[in-house]
Amino acid sequence: LTFDCTTKAEHVLEHAELWPELAESGCLFVICALEIVNDEILVRLDKGHTTADASAAIAVLRQHGIEPRPSFMPFTPWTTPQDVVDLLDFVVEHDLIANVEPVQYMIRLLIPEGSLLLGQPDLDTYLEPYDAGRLSYPWRAAAASSDELQAHLAVIVERSVANEQPLAATFYEIRRAALAAA
């Protein structure tokens, strides 16, 4: 019997003593919402971890033979194209290309009614009126090039899925686009 679990990066670290038993019991991979590798944005999102914590959590899991399967949300109102490049570099540095579905590289933050983010003073600059059909507040990035990059990555990902392109090929196409935007 094998299984996987989903937990926060800080919980991987907080409960490091549990991973040997979970690995021995058949845990093959762990999904963690790492979101982005910009610590200022992680604080804004109240994620409870830093980029260093994400690296440490990956190391803890791999120490016990458990593969991390991170999820990302690279596009926020504060994201720059360089933030996306930094995220892609993090993926390479931690040998995660085969562990990340390409759609993860194009995800945009959703801001629903009642979101705690709505209390952030500088967010209003980027928000449009609430869209009841989408159940969220549309927003534009501080850097217009980020919105353009996100749209471009969406096209790359949709095409790669339709063509059943290998993950690595899609990753490097995404990386080329992000480097060009940065």
Protein backbone atom coordinates (compact mmCIF):
# COMPACT_ATOMS: atom_id res chain seq x y z
CA LEU A 1 0.00 0.00 0.00
CA THR A 2 1.30 3.46 -0.90
CA PHE A 3 -0.10 6.91 -0.27
CA ASP A 4 0.62 10.61 -0.53
CA CYS A 5 -0.27 13.56 1.62
CA THR A 6 -0.69 17.29 1.36
CA THR A 7 0.77 19.59 3.98
CA LYS A 8 2.38 22.98 4.44
CA ALA A 9 6.13 23.40 4.17
CA GLU A 10 6.35 24.58 7.77
CA HIS A 11 4.54 21.43 8.92
CA VAL A 12 7.10 19.26 7.12
CA LEU A 13 9.77 20.97 9.21
CA GLU A 14 7.76 21.17 12.43
CA HIS A 15 7.05 17.42 12.35
CA ALA A 16 10.36 16.25 10.86
CA GLU A 17 10.42 13.26 13.22
CA LEU A 18 7.30 11.77 11.54
CA TRP A 19 8.71 11.46 8.01
CA PRO A 20 10.77 8.29 8.57
CA GLU A 21 7.66 6.45 9.77
CA LEU A 22 5.52 7.86 6.98
CA ALA A 23 8.12 6.81 4.40
CA GLU A 24 8.34 3.33 5.90
CA SER A 25 4.53 3.12 5.78
CA GLY A 26 4.46 3.85 2.04
CA CYS A 27 4.30 7.63 1.62
CA LEU A 28 5.67 8.27 -1.88
CA PHE A 29 5.20 12.00 -2.28
CA VAL A 30 4.02 15.11 -0.48
CA ILE A 31 2.19 18.03 -2.06
CA CYS A 32 3.23 21.38 -0.59
CA ALA A 33 1.91 24.78 -1.64
CA LEU A 34 5.22 26.64 -1.99
CA GLU A 35 3.58 29.36 -4.15
CA ILE A 36 6.60 31.53 -5.02
CA VAL A 37 10.19 32.06 -3.91
CA ASN A 38 9.91 35.77 -3.11
CA ASP A 39 9.87 36.08 0.68
CA GLU A 40 8.14 39.49 0.61
CA ILE A 41 5.25 38.05 -1.38
CA LEU A 42 5.11 34.99 0.89
CA VAL A 43 4.67 37.36 3.86
CA ARG A 44 1.90 39.26 2.03
CA LEU A 45 0.15 35.93 1.38
CA ASP A 46 0.67 34.89 5.04
CA LYS A 47 2.06 31.54 3.90
CA GLY A 48 3.96 30.83 7.11
CA HIS A 49 7.19 29.80 5.38
CA THR A 50 10.17 31.35 3.64
CA THR A 51 12.05 30.24 0.57
CA ALA A 52 14.73 28.81 2.88
CA ASP A 53 12.01 26.84 4.70
CA ALA A 54 10.79 25.46 1.37
CA SER A 55 14.32 24.29 0.54
CA ALA A 56 14.68 22.73 3.98
CA ALA A 57 11.32 20.93 3.67
CA ILE A 58 12.38 19.47 0.32
CA ALA A 59 15.60 18.24 1.91
CA VAL A 60 13.75 16.64 4.85
CA LEU A 61 11.37 14.79 2.55
CA ARG A 62 14.10 13.57 0.22
CA GLN A 63 16.23 12.46 3.15
CA HIS A 64 13.51 9.85 3.74
CA GLY A 65 12.91 8.94 0.11
CA ILE A 66 9.74 11.00 -0.24
CA GLU A 67 9.43 13.19 -3.32
CA PRO A 68 8.08 16.72 -2.98
CA ARG A 69 5.35 17.70 -5.44
CA PRO A 70 5.15 21.46 -5.00
CA SER A 71 2.26 23.57 -6.13
CA PHE A 72 2.92 27.16 -7.14
CA MET A 73 0.99 30.39 -7.57
CA PRO A 74 3.58 32.58 -9.21
CA PHE A 75 1.34 35.41 -10.37
CA THR A 76 0.20 37.96 -7.81
CA PRO A 77 -0.23 41.72 -8.12
CA TRP A 78 3.34 42.08 -6.80
CA THR A 79 5.05 39.48 -9.01
CA THR A 80 7.70 40.56 -11.48
CA PRO A 81 9.00 38.50 -14.39
CA GLN A 82 12.25 38.11 -12.42
CA ASP A 83 10.24 36.45 -9.62
CA VAL A 84 9.09 33.86 -12.16
CA VAL A 85 12.68 33.30 -13.30
CA ASP A 86 13.71 32.89 -9.65
CA LEU A 87 10.97 30.28 -9.19
CA LEU A 88 12.11 28.37 -12.26
CA ASP A 89 15.71 28.52 -11.03
CA PHE A 90 14.52 27.11 -7.69
CA VAL A 91 12.85 24.23 -9.54
CA VAL A 92 16.10 23.46 -11.37
CA GLU A 93 18.23 23.85 -8.22
CA HIS A 94 16.02 21.37 -6.35
CA ASP A 95 15.66 18.91 -9.26
CA LEU A 96 11.88 19.35 -9.39
CA ILE A 97 11.21 19.64 -13.12
CA ALA A 98 9.65 16.16 -13.30
CA ASN A 99 7.63 16.82 -10.12
CA VAL A 100 5.74 19.92 -11.29
CA GLU A 101 2.87 20.01 -13.77
CA PRO A 102 3.36 22.95 -16.18
CA VAL A 103 0.02 24.51 -15.24
CA GLN A 104 1.64 25.39 -11.90
CA TYR A 105 3.82 27.97 -13.63
CA MET A 106 0.89 30.08 -14.87
CA ILE A 107 -1.50 30.19 -11.91
CA ARG A 108 -2.83 33.61 -10.88
CA LEU A 109 -3.93 34.58 -7.39
CA LEU A 110 -7.71 34.56 -6.94
CA ILE A 111 -9.09 37.19 -4.58
CA PRO A 112 -12.64 36.23 -3.52
CA GLU A 113 -15.03 38.29 -1.44
CA GLY A 114 -13.89 38.38 2.16
CA SER A 115 -10.25 37.62 1.34
CA LEU A 116 -7.88 38.74 4.07
CA LEU A 117 -5.72 40.23 1.32
CA LEU A 118 -8.38 42.90 0.76
CA GLY A 119 -7.13 44.64 3.91
CA GLN A 120 -3.68 45.31 2.43
CA PRO A 121 -3.41 49.04 1.69
CA ASP A 122 -1.47 48.84 -1.57
CA LEU A 123 -3.69 46.13 -3.10
CA ASP A 124 -6.47 48.59 -4.00
CA THR A 125 -4.19 50.10 -6.66
CA TYR A 126 -4.32 46.85 -8.63
CA LEU A 127 -7.91 45.72 -8.04
CA GLU A 128 -10.85 46.07 -10.36
CA PRO A 129 -14.46 45.96 -9.14
CA TYR A 130 -15.76 42.62 -7.86
CA ASP A 131 -16.85 40.28 -10.68
CA ALA A 132 -19.80 38.20 -9.44
CA GLY A 133 -19.57 35.90 -12.47
CA ARG A 134 -15.99 35.00 -11.60
CA LEU A 135 -16.58 35.19 -7.83
CA SER A 136 -13.44 37.25 -7.44
CA TYR A 137 -11.80 40.62 -7.77
CA PRO A 138 -9.88 40.82 -11.05
CA TRP A 139 -6.52 42.52 -10.70
CA ARG A 140 -3.62 43.70 -12.80
CA ALA A 141 0.01 43.31 -11.85
CA ALA A 142 2.15 46.25 -10.81
CA ALA A 143 4.41 45.31 -13.71
CA ALA A 144 2.37 45.03 -16.94
CA SER A 145 5.06 42.66 -18.23
CA SER A 146 3.97 40.17 -15.56
CA ASP A 147 0.42 40.04 -16.89
CA GLU A 148 1.80 39.62 -20.42
CA LEU A 149 4.11 36.83 -19.25
CA GLN A 150 1.27 35.02 -17.48
CA ALA A 151 -0.87 35.14 -20.64
CA HIS A 152 2.07 33.90 -22.73
CA LEU A 153 2.76 31.03 -20.31
CA ALA A 154 -0.92 30.04 -20.43
CA VAL A 155 -0.65 29.65 -24.21
CA ILE A 156 2.55 27.59 -23.87
CA VAL A 157 0.99 25.31 -21.27
CA GLU A 158 -2.26 24.81 -23.19
CA ARG A 159 -0.35 23.96 -26.35
CA SER A 160 2.04 21.60 -24.54
CA VAL A 161 -0.85 19.71 -22.96
CA ALA A 162 -2.67 19.44 -26.28
CA ASN A 163 0.51 18.14 -27.94
CA GLU A 164 1.40 15.86 -25.02
CA GLN A 165 4.79 17.52 -24.85
CA PRO A 166 7.24 16.13 -22.26
CA LEU A 167 7.44 18.07 -18.96
CA ALA A 168 11.09 19.00 -19.44
CA ALA A 169 10.49 20.42 -22.92
CA THR A 170 7.59 22.50 -21.62
CA PHE A 171 9.61 23.65 -18.63
CA TYR A 172 12.45 24.94 -20.81
CA GLU A 173 10.01 26.68 -23.16
CA ILE A 174 8.46 28.38 -20.12
CA ARG A 175 11.91 29.30 -18.83
CA ARG A 176 12.91 30.86 -22.17
CA ALA A 177 9.73 32.97 -22.12
CA ALA A 178 10.31 34.08 -18.53
CA LEU A 179 13.94 34.98 -19.22
CA ALA A 180 12.89 37.02 -22.25
CA ALA A 181 10.28 38.87 -20.16
CA ALA A 182 12.73 39.53 -17.34
